[in-house]
């Protein structure tokens, strides 16, 4: 019998809590990845921490996750995330 491990990928967007910055990425472990961002272990996001999760969605494989990541990094995708962030900030 062959055992296979199913790895779901998560595309996520995090928003800096103190600066106007949204980061989009993909991971197999969302909790650990956000923790790394918030602890300053990621060079790209270190100056913008701390972060809150703005958006996430599961994808069945890395290829699909990468396509969605590219979408959210595009102009249309970034606009969607900015609108989402604006809606969150008015709800507080």
PDB file of N, CA and C in Angstrom:
ATOM      1  N   UNK A   1       0.849  -1.177   0.000  1.00  0.00           N
ATOM      2  CA  UNK A   1       0.000   0.000   0.000  1.00  0.00           C
ATOM      3  C   UNK A   1       0.898   1.245   0.000  1.00  0.00           C
ATOM      4  N   UNK A   2       0.529   2.188  -0.835  1.00  0.00           N
ATOM      5  CA  UNK A   2       1.273   3.446  -0.923  1.00  0.00           C
ATOM      6  C   UNK A   2       0.469   4.531  -0.210  1.00  0.00           C
ATOM      7  N   UNK A   3       1.125   5.191   0.726  1.00  0.00           N
ATOM      8  CA  UNK A   3       0.485   6.294   1.425  1.00  0.00           C
ATOM      9  C   UNK A   3       0.950   7.601   0.809  1.00  0.00           C
ATOM     10  N   UNK A   4       0.020   8.466   0.548  1.00  0.00           N
ATOM     11  CA  UNK A   4       0.383   9.780   0.023  1.00  0.00           C
ATOM     12  C   UNK A   4      -0.110  10.847   0.980  1.00  0.00           C
ATOM     13  N   UNK A   5       0.650  11.874   1.077  1.00  0.00           N
ATOM     14  CA  UNK A   5       0.273  12.997   1.914  1.00  0.00           C
ATOM     15  C   UNK A   5      -0.323  14.072   1.022  1.00  0.00           C
ATOM     16  N   UNK A   6      -1.488  14.525   1.385  1.00  0.00           N
ATOM     17  CA  UNK A   6      -2.130  15.593   0.623  1.00  0.00           C
ATOM     18  C   UNK A   6      -1.739  16.917   1.250  1.00  0.00           C
ATOM     19  N   UNK A   7      -1.109  17.731   0.451  1.00  0.00           N
ATOM     20  CA  UNK A   7      -0.698  19.039   0.926  1.00  0.00           C
ATOM     21  C   UNK A   7      -1.567  20.079   0.235  1.00  0.00           C
ATOM     22  N   UNK A   8      -2.335  20.782   1.015  1.00  0.00           N
ATOM     23  CA  UNK A   8      -3.126  21.885   0.492  1.00  0.00           C
ATOM     24  C   UNK A   8      -2.273  23.139   0.620  1.00  0.00           C
ATOM     25  N   UNK A   9      -2.358  23.974  -0.346  1.00  0.00           N
ATOM     26  CA  UNK A   9      -1.649  25.249  -0.293  1.00  0.00           C
ATOM     27  C   UNK A   9      -2.643  26.358   0.002  1.00  0.00           C
ATOM     28  N   UNK A  10      -2.176  27.351   0.705  1.00  0.00           N
ATOM     29  CA  UNK A  10      -3.008  28.486   1.065  1.00  0.00           C
ATOM     30  C   UNK A  10      -2.391  29.744   0.475  1.00  0.00           C
ATOM     31  N   UNK A  11      -3.199  30.483  -0.257  1.00  0.00           N
ATOM     32  CA  UNK A  11      -2.803  31.805  -0.735  1.00  0.00           C
ATOM     33  C   UNK A  11      -3.323  32.770   0.317  1.00  0.00           C
ATOM     34  N   UNK A  12      -2.478  33.687   0.746  1.00  0.00           N
ATOM     35  CA  UNK A  12      -2.880  34.577   1.824  1.00  0.00           C
ATOM     36  C   UNK A  12      -2.430  36.011   1.560  1.00  0.00           C
ATOM     37  N   UNK A  13      -3.133  36.930   2.187  1.00  0.00           N
ATOM     38  CA  UNK A  13      -2.755  38.336   2.161  1.00  0.00           C
ATOM     39  C   UNK A  13      -2.752  38.808   3.611  1.00  0.00           C
ATOM     40  N   UNK A  14      -1.672  39.471   3.997  1.00  0.00           N
ATOM     41  CA  UNK A  14      -1.593  40.045   5.329  1.00  0.00           C
ATOM     42  C   UNK A  14      -1.434  41.547   5.196  1.00  0.00           C
ATOM     43  N   UNK A  15      -1.961  42.247   6.162  1.00  0.00           N
ATOM     44  CA  UNK A  15      -1.928  43.701   6.139  1.00  0.00           C
ATOM     45  C   UNK A  15      -1.161  44.200   7.352  1.00  0.00           C
ATOM     46  N   UNK A  16      -0.242  45.127   7.114  1.00  0.00           N
ATOM     47  CA  UNK A  16       0.494  45.739   8.216  1.00  0.00           C
ATOM     48  C   UNK A  16      -0.491  46.487   9.107  1.00  0.00           C
ATOM     49  N   UNK A  17      -0.317  46.371  10.402  1.00  0.00           N
ATOM     50  CA  UNK A  17      -1.222  47.028  11.335  1.00  0.00           C
ATOM     51  C   UNK A  17      -0.862  48.503  11.543  1.00  0.00           C
ATOM     52  N   UNK A  18       0.338  48.902  11.101  1.00  0.00           N
ATOM     53  CA  UNK A  18       0.775  50.276  11.341  1.00  0.00           C
ATOM     54  C   UNK A  18       1.147  51.044  10.085  1.00  0.00           C
ATOM     55  N   UNK A  19       1.276  50.363   8.973  1.00  0.00           N
ATOM     56  CA  UNK A  19       1.674  51.026   7.739  1.00  0.00           C
ATOM     57  C   UNK A  19       0.776  50.581   6.599  1.00  0.00           C
ATOM     58  N   UNK A  20       0.803  51.319   5.516  1.00  0.00           N
ATOM     59  CA  UNK A  20      -0.018  51.015   4.354  1.00  0.00           C
ATOM     60  C   UNK A  20       0.713  49.979   3.491  1.00  0.00           C
ATOM     61  N   UNK A  21       0.587  48.711   3.866  1.00  0.00           N
ATOM     62  CA  UNK A  21       1.333  47.659   3.191  1.00  0.00           C
ATOM     63  C   UNK A  21       0.540  46.362   3.239  1.00  0.00           C
ATOM     64  N   UNK A  22       0.387  45.729   2.093  1.00  0.00           N
ATOM     65  CA  UNK A  22      -0.250  44.418   1.989  1.00  0.00           C
ATOM     66  C   UNK A  22       0.746  43.470   1.342  1.00  0.00           C
ATOM     67  N   UNK A  23       0.927  42.311   1.944  1.00  0.00           N
ATOM     68  CA  UNK A  23       1.819  41.289   1.410  1.00  0.00           C
ATOM     69  C   UNK A  23       0.980  40.084   1.003  1.00  0.00           C
ATOM     70  N   UNK A  24       1.290  39.516  -0.151  1.00  0.00           N
ATOM     71  CA  UNK A  24       0.593  38.328  -0.651  1.00  0.00           C
ATOM     72  C   UNK A  24       1.604  37.201  -0.797  1.00  0.00           C
ATOM     73  N   UNK A  25       1.242  36.016  -0.337  1.00  0.00           N
ATOM     74  CA  UNK A  25       2.132  34.871  -0.461  1.00  0.00           C
ATOM     75  C   UNK A  25       1.349  33.572  -0.502  1.00  0.00           C
ATOM     76  N   UNK A  26       2.090  32.465  -0.530  1.00  0.00           N
ATOM     77  CA  UNK A  26       1.461  31.149  -0.468  1.00  0.00           C
ATOM     78  C   UNK A  26       2.272  30.266   0.463  1.00  0.00           C
ATOM     79  N   UNK A  27       1.598  29.320   1.080  1.00  0.00           N
ATOM     80  CA  UNK A  27       2.253  28.469   2.062  1.00  0.00           C
ATOM     81  C   UNK A  27       1.475  27.172   2.249  1.00  0.00           C
ATOM     82  N   UNK A  28       2.110  26.221   2.868  1.00  0.00           N
ATOM     83  CA  UNK A  28       1.461  24.981   3.252  1.00  0.00           C
ATOM     84  C   UNK A  28       1.032  24.996   4.708  1.00  0.00           C
ATOM     85  N   UNK A  29       1.494  26.009   5.470  1.00  0.00           N
ATOM     86  CA  UNK A  29       1.162  26.119   6.890  1.00  0.00           C
ATOM     87  C   UNK A  29       0.941  27.594   7.217  1.00  0.00           C
ATOM     88  N   UNK A  30      -0.291  28.027   7.143  1.00  0.00           N
ATOM     89  CA  UNK A  30      -0.615  29.445   7.291  1.00  0.00           C
ATOM     90  C   UNK A  30      -0.255  29.993   8.674  1.00  0.00           C
ATOM     91  N   UNK A  31      -0.573  29.267   9.705  1.00  0.00           N
ATOM     92  CA  UNK A  31      -0.299  29.741  11.066  1.00  0.00           C
ATOM     93  C   UNK A  31       1.184  29.991  11.277  1.00  0.00           C
ATOM     94  N   UNK A  32       2.008  29.035  10.889  1.00  0.00           N
ATOM     95  CA  UNK A  32       3.457  29.178  11.058  1.00  0.00           C
ATOM     96  C   UNK A  32       4.006  30.311  10.202  1.00  0.00           C
ATOM     97  N   UNK A  33       3.467  30.461   9.011  1.00  0.00           N
ATOM     98  CA  UNK A  33       3.960  31.493   8.099  1.00  0.00           C
ATOM     99  C   UNK A  33       3.662  32.890   8.633  1.00  0.00           C
ATOM    100  N   UNK A  34       2.452  33.118   9.129  1.00  0.00           N
ATOM    101  CA  UNK A  34       2.115  34.430   9.691  1.00  0.00           C
ATOM    102  C   UNK A  34       2.962  34.705  10.933  1.00  0.00           C
ATOM    103  N   UNK A  35       3.207  33.683  11.713  1.00  0.00           N
ATOM    104  CA  UNK A  35       4.064  33.835  12.892  1.00  0.00           C
ATOM    105  C   UNK A  35       5.466  34.276  12.481  1.00  0.00           C
ATOM    106  N   UNK A  36       5.992  33.698  11.418  1.00  0.00           N
ATOM    107  CA  UNK A  36       7.315  34.100  10.919  1.00  0.00           C
ATOM    108  C   UNK A  36       7.319  35.567  10.492  1.00  0.00           C
ATOM    109  N   UNK A  37       6.255  35.991   9.813  1.00  0.00           N
ATOM    110  CA  UNK A  37       6.159  37.395   9.403  1.00  0.00           C
ATOM    111  C   UNK A  37       6.132  38.301  10.638  1.00  0.00           C
ATOM    112  N   UNK A  38       5.320  37.950  11.618  1.00  0.00           N
ATOM    113  CA  UNK A  38       5.171  38.798  12.796  1.00  0.00           C
ATOM    114  C   UNK A  38       6.395  38.817  13.701  1.00  0.00           C
ATOM    115  N   UNK A  39       7.196  37.785  13.661  1.00  0.00           N
ATOM    116  CA  UNK A  39       8.425  37.754  14.468  1.00  0.00           C
ATOM    117  C   UNK A  39       9.604  38.393  13.758  1.00  0.00           C
ATOM    118  N   UNK A  40       9.387  38.853  12.519  1.00  0.00           N
ATOM    119  CA  UNK A  40      10.444  39.535  11.789  1.00  0.00           C
ATOM    120  C   UNK A  40      11.452  38.616  11.128  1.00  0.00           C
ATOM    121  N   UNK A  41      11.094  37.354  10.912  1.00  0.00           N
ATOM    122  CA  UNK A  41      12.014  36.394  10.303  1.00  0.00           C
ATOM    123  C   UNK A  41      12.077  36.517   8.779  1.00  0.00           C
ATOM    124  N   UNK A  42      11.130  37.238   8.200  1.00  0.00           N
ATOM    125  CA  UNK A  42      11.098  37.386   6.746  1.00  0.00           C
ATOM    126  C   UNK A  42      11.618  38.773   6.378  1.00  0.00           C
ATOM    127  N   UNK A  43      12.687  38.807   5.618  1.00  0.00           N
ATOM    128  CA  UNK A  43      13.358  40.064   5.276  1.00  0.00           C
ATOM    129  C   UNK A  43      12.429  41.049   4.563  1.00  0.00           C
ATOM    130  N   UNK A  44      11.611  40.547   3.656  1.00  0.00           N
ATOM    131  CA  UNK A  44      10.731  41.411   2.873  1.00  0.00           C
ATOM    132  C   UNK A  44       9.709  42.143   3.738  1.00  0.00           C
ATOM    133  N   UNK A  45       9.179  41.485   4.744  1.00  0.00           N
ATOM    134  CA  UNK A  45       8.094  42.068   5.530  1.00  0.00           C
ATOM    135  C   UNK A  45       8.522  42.604   6.899  1.00  0.00           C
ATOM    136  N   UNK A  46       9.739  42.360   7.290  1.00  0.00           N
ATOM    137  CA  UNK A  46      10.192  42.749   8.627  1.00  0.00           C
ATOM    138  C   UNK A  46       9.904  44.213   8.975  1.00  0.00           C
ATOM    139  N   UNK A  47      10.170  45.175   8.085  1.00  0.00           N
ATOM    140  CA  UNK A  47       9.937  46.575   8.461  1.00  0.00           C
ATOM    141  C   UNK A  47       8.459  46.949   8.650  1.00  0.00           C
ATOM    142  N   UNK A  48       7.553  46.074   8.229  1.00  0.00           N
ATOM    143  CA  UNK A  48       6.133  46.394   8.248  1.00  0.00           C
ATOM    144  C   UNK A  48       5.343  45.669   9.338  1.00  0.00           C
ATOM    145  N   UNK A  49       5.995  44.836  10.126  1.00  0.00           N
ATOM    146  CA  UNK A  49       5.277  44.064  11.141  1.00  0.00           C
ATOM    147  C   UNK A  49       4.803  44.981  12.265  1.00  0.00           C
ATOM    148  N   UNK A  50       3.784  44.606  12.991  1.00  0.00           N
ATOM    149  CA  UNK A  50       3.036  43.349  12.974  1.00  0.00           C
ATOM    150  C   UNK A  50       1.953  43.353  11.888  1.00  0.00           C
ATOM    151  N   UNK A  51       1.467  42.148  11.609  1.00  0.00           N
ATOM    152  CA  UNK A  51       0.475  41.939  10.560  1.00  0.00           C
ATOM    153  C   UNK A  51      -0.790  41.295  11.108  1.00  0.00           C
ATOM    154  N   UNK A  52      -1.861  41.487  10.352  1.00  0.00           N
ATOM    155  CA  UNK A  52      -3.081  40.738  10.596  1.00  0.00           C
ATOM    156  C   UNK A  52      -3.479  40.078   9.283  1.00  0.00           C
ATOM    157  N   UNK A  53      -4.105  38.929   9.395  1.00  0.00           N
ATOM    158  CA  UNK A  53      -4.548  38.214   8.205  1.00  0.00           C
ATOM    159  C   UNK A  53      -5.690  38.982   7.566  1.00  0.00           C
ATOM    160  N   UNK A  54      -5.530  39.312   6.317  1.00  0.00           N
ATOM    161  CA  UNK A  54      -6.539  40.050   5.572  1.00  0.00           C
ATOM    162  C   UNK A  54      -7.432  39.096   4.775  1.00  0.00           C
ATOM    163  N   UNK A  55      -6.809  38.078   4.172  1.00  0.00           N
ATOM    164  CA  UNK A  55      -7.553  37.172   3.298  1.00  0.00           C
ATOM    165  C   UNK A  55      -6.763  35.878   3.142  1.00  0.00           C
ATOM    166  N   UNK A  56      -7.469  34.766   3.005  1.00  0.00           N
ATOM    167  CA  UNK A  56      -6.808  33.492   2.690  1.00  0.00           C
ATOM    168  C   UNK A  56      -7.782  32.596   1.950  1.00  0.00           C
ATOM    169  N   UNK A  57      -7.222  31.734   1.111  1.00  0.00           N
ATOM    170  CA  UNK A  57      -8.028  30.733   0.421  1.00  0.00           C
ATOM    171  C   UNK A  57      -7.160  29.516   0.134  1.00  0.00           C
ATOM    172  N   UNK A  58      -7.757  28.341   0.292  1.00  0.00           N
ATOM    173  CA  UNK A  58      -7.043  27.090   0.032  1.00  0.00           C
ATOM    174  C   UNK A  58      -7.076  26.776  -1.453  1.00  0.00           C
ATOM    175  N   UNK A  59      -5.995  26.165  -1.915  1.00  0.00           N
ATOM    176  CA  UNK A  59      -5.885  25.710  -3.300  1.00  0.00           C
ATOM    177  C   UNK A  59      -5.430  24.254  -3.276  1.00  0.00           C
ATOM    178  N   UNK A  60      -5.833  23.473  -4.256  1.00  0.00           N
ATOM    179  CA  UNK A  60      -5.531  22.035  -4.235  1.00  0.00           C
ATOM    180  C   UNK A  60      -4.063  21.685  -4.489  1.00  0.00           C
ATOM    181  N   UNK A  61      -3.330  22.564  -5.176  1.00  0.00           N
ATOM    182  CA  UNK A  61      -1.926  22.268  -5.465  1.00  0.00           C
ATOM    183  C   UNK A  61      -1.139  23.565  -5.618  1.00  0.00           C
ATOM    184  N   UNK A  62       0.173  23.422  -5.690  1.00  0.00           N
ATOM    185  CA  UNK A  62       1.044  24.589  -5.751  1.00  0.00           C
ATOM    186  C   UNK A  62       0.818  25.410  -7.023  1.00  0.00           C
ATOM    187  N   UNK A  63       0.563  24.738  -8.122  1.00  0.00           N
ATOM    188  CA  UNK A  63       0.359  25.446  -9.388  1.00  0.00           C
ATOM    189  C   UNK A  63      -0.860  26.369  -9.311  1.00  0.00           C
ATOM    190  N   UNK A  64      -1.965  25.843  -8.792  1.00  0.00           N
ATOM    191  CA  UNK A  64      -3.175  26.648  -8.646  1.00  0.00           C
ATOM    192  C   UNK A  64      -2.946  27.788  -7.656  1.00  0.00           C
ATOM    193  N   UNK A  65      -2.224  27.502  -6.578  1.00  0.00           N
ATOM    194  CA  UNK A  65      -1.937  28.530  -5.574  1.00  0.00           C
ATOM    195  C   UNK A  65      -1.080  29.641  -6.176  1.00  0.00           C
ATOM    196  N   UNK A  66      -0.123  29.270  -6.991  1.00  0.00           N
ATOM    197  CA  UNK A  66       0.757  30.269  -7.616  1.00  0.00           C
ATOM    198  C   UNK A  66      -0.030  31.161  -8.579  1.00  0.00           C
ATOM    199  N   UNK A  67      -0.973  30.589  -9.293  1.00  0.00           N
ATOM    200  CA  UNK A  67      -1.814  31.383 -10.202  1.00  0.00           C
ATOM    201  C   UNK A  67      -2.646  32.400  -9.424  1.00  0.00           C
ATOM    202  N   UNK A  68      -3.223  31.968  -8.299  1.00  0.00           N
ATOM    203  CA  UNK A  68      -4.019  32.893  -7.478  1.00  0.00           C
ATOM    204  C   UNK A  68      -3.130  33.953  -6.829  1.00  0.00           C
ATOM    205  N   UNK A  69      -1.938  33.553  -6.414  1.00  0.00           N
ATOM    206  CA  UNK A  69      -1.000  34.517  -5.835  1.00  0.00           C
ATOM    207  C   UNK A  69      -0.684  35.609  -6.862  1.00  0.00           C
ATOM    208  N   UNK A  70      -0.427  35.207  -8.095  1.00  0.00           N
ATOM    209  CA  UNK A  70      -0.149  36.182  -9.155  1.00  0.00           C
ATOM    210  C   UNK A  70      -1.337  37.106  -9.368  1.00  0.00           C
ATOM    211  N   UNK A  71      -2.540  36.562  -9.310  1.00  0.00           N
ATOM    212  CA  UNK A  71      -3.735  37.394  -9.464  1.00  0.00           C
ATOM    213  C   UNK A  71      -3.785  38.461  -8.368  1.00  0.00           C
ATOM    214  N   UNK A  72      -3.569  38.053  -7.120  1.00  0.00           N
ATOM    215  CA  UNK A  72      -3.659  39.010  -6.018  1.00  0.00           C
ATOM    216  C   UNK A  72      -2.516  40.020  -6.022  1.00  0.00           C
ATOM    217  N   UNK A  73      -1.448  39.719  -6.734  1.00  0.00           N
ATOM    218  CA  UNK A  73      -0.344  40.671  -6.871  1.00  0.00           C
ATOM    219  C   UNK A  73      -0.546  41.595  -8.078  1.00  0.00           C
ATOM    220  N   UNK A  74      -1.559  41.301  -8.891  1.00  0.00           N
ATOM    221  CA  UNK A  74      -1.859  42.144 -10.055  1.00  0.00           C
ATOM    222  C   UNK A  74      -2.646  43.368  -9.607  1.00  0.00           C
ATOM    223  N   UNK A  75      -2.852  44.285 -10.525  1.00  0.00           N
ATOM    224  CA  UNK A  75      -3.603  45.499 -10.204  1.00  0.00           C
ATOM    225  C   UNK A  75      -5.010  45.221  -9.721  1.00  0.00           C
ATOM    226  N   UNK A  76      -5.726  44.348 -10.429  1.00  0.00           N
ATOM    227  CA  UNK A  76      -7.104  44.020 -10.063  1.00  0.00           C
ATOM    228  C   UNK A  76      -7.144  43.316  -8.710  1.00  0.00           C
ATOM    229  N   UNK A  77      -6.241  42.378  -8.507  1.00  0.00           N
ATOM    230  CA  UNK A  77      -6.189  41.646  -7.245  1.00  0.00           C
ATOM    231  C   UNK A  77      -5.836  42.551  -6.072  1.00  0.00           C
ATOM    232  N   UNK A  78      -4.868  43.445  -6.273  1.00  0.00           N
ATOM    233  CA  UNK A  78      -4.486  44.391  -5.216  1.00  0.00           C
ATOM    234  C   UNK A  78      -5.647  45.322  -4.886  1.00  0.00           C
ATOM    235  N   UNK A  79      -6.391  45.752  -5.912  1.00  0.00           N
ATOM    236  CA  UNK A  79      -7.562  46.605  -5.666  1.00  0.00           C
ATOM    237  C   UNK A  79      -8.581  45.882  -4.792  1.00  0.00           C
ATOM    238  N   UNK A  80      -8.819  44.601  -5.088  1.00  0.00           N
ATOM    239  CA  UNK A  80      -9.737  43.802  -4.275  1.00  0.00           C
ATOM    240  C   UNK A  80      -9.277  43.775  -2.819  1.00  0.00           C
ATOM    241  N   UNK A  81      -7.986  43.538  -2.598  1.00  0.00           N
ATOM    242  CA  UNK A  81      -7.459  43.464  -1.238  1.00  0.00           C
ATOM    243  C   UNK A  81      -7.530  44.818  -0.531  1.00  0.00           C
ATOM    244  N   UNK A  82      -7.271  45.894  -1.251  1.00  0.00           N
ATOM    245  CA  UNK A  82      -7.374  47.237  -0.655  1.00  0.00           C
ATOM    246  C   UNK A  82      -8.813  47.537  -0.231  1.00  0.00           C
ATOM    247  N   UNK A  83      -9.765  47.153  -1.074  1.00  0.00           N
ATOM    248  CA  UNK A  83     -11.178  47.359  -0.729  1.00  0.00           C
ATOM    249  C   UNK A  83     -11.557  46.516   0.485  1.00  0.00           C
ATOM    250  N   UNK A  84     -11.044  45.305   0.534  1.00  0.00           N
ATOM    251  CA  UNK A  84     -11.294  44.432   1.669  1.00  0.00           C
ATOM    252  C   UNK A  84     -10.733  45.055   2.948  1.00  0.00           C
ATOM    253  N   UNK A  85      -9.504  45.574   2.866  1.00  0.00           N
ATOM    254  CA  UNK A  85      -8.872  46.213   4.024  1.00  0.00           C
ATOM    255  C   UNK A  85      -9.658  47.451   4.443  1.00  0.00           C
ATOM    256  N   UNK A  86     -10.106  48.245   3.487  1.00  0.00           N
ATOM    257  CA  UNK A  86     -10.885  49.449   3.801  1.00  0.00           C
ATOM    258  C   UNK A  86     -12.186  49.072   4.516  1.00  0.00           C
ATOM    259  N   UNK A  87     -12.806  47.989   4.087  1.00  0.00           N
ATOM    260  CA  UNK A  87     -14.030  47.524   4.739  1.00  0.00           C
ATOM    261  C   UNK A  87     -13.785  47.056   6.156  1.00  0.00           C
ATOM    262  N   UNK A  88     -12.643  46.411   6.382  1.00  0.00           N
ATOM    263  CA  UNK A  88     -12.304  45.958   7.720  1.00  0.00           C
ATOM    264  C   UNK A  88     -12.038  47.124   8.655  1.00  0.00           C
ATOM    265  N   UNK A  89     -11.370  48.160   8.143  1.00  0.00           N
ATOM    266  CA  UNK A  89     -11.015  49.271   9.007  1.00  0.00           C
ATOM    267  C   UNK A  89     -12.244  50.086   9.417  1.00  0.00           C
ATOM    268  N   UNK A  90     -13.302  50.080   8.609  1.00  0.00           N
ATOM    269  CA  UNK A  90     -14.504  50.814   8.975  1.00  0.00           C
ATOM    270  C   UNK A  90     -15.388  50.008   9.925  1.00  0.00           C
ATOM    271  N   UNK A  91     -15.150  48.694   9.996  1.00  0.00           N
ATOM    272  CA  UNK A  91     -15.944  47.837  10.881  1.00  0.00           C
ATOM    273  C   UNK A  91     -15.452  47.877  12.326  1.00  0.00           C
ATOM    274  N   UNK A  92     -14.301  48.434  12.558  1.00  0.00           N
ATOM    275  CA  UNK A  92     -13.719  48.410  13.918  1.00  0.00           C
ATOM    276  C   UNK A  92     -14.295  49.450  14.808  1.00  0.00           C
TER     277      UNK A  92
END
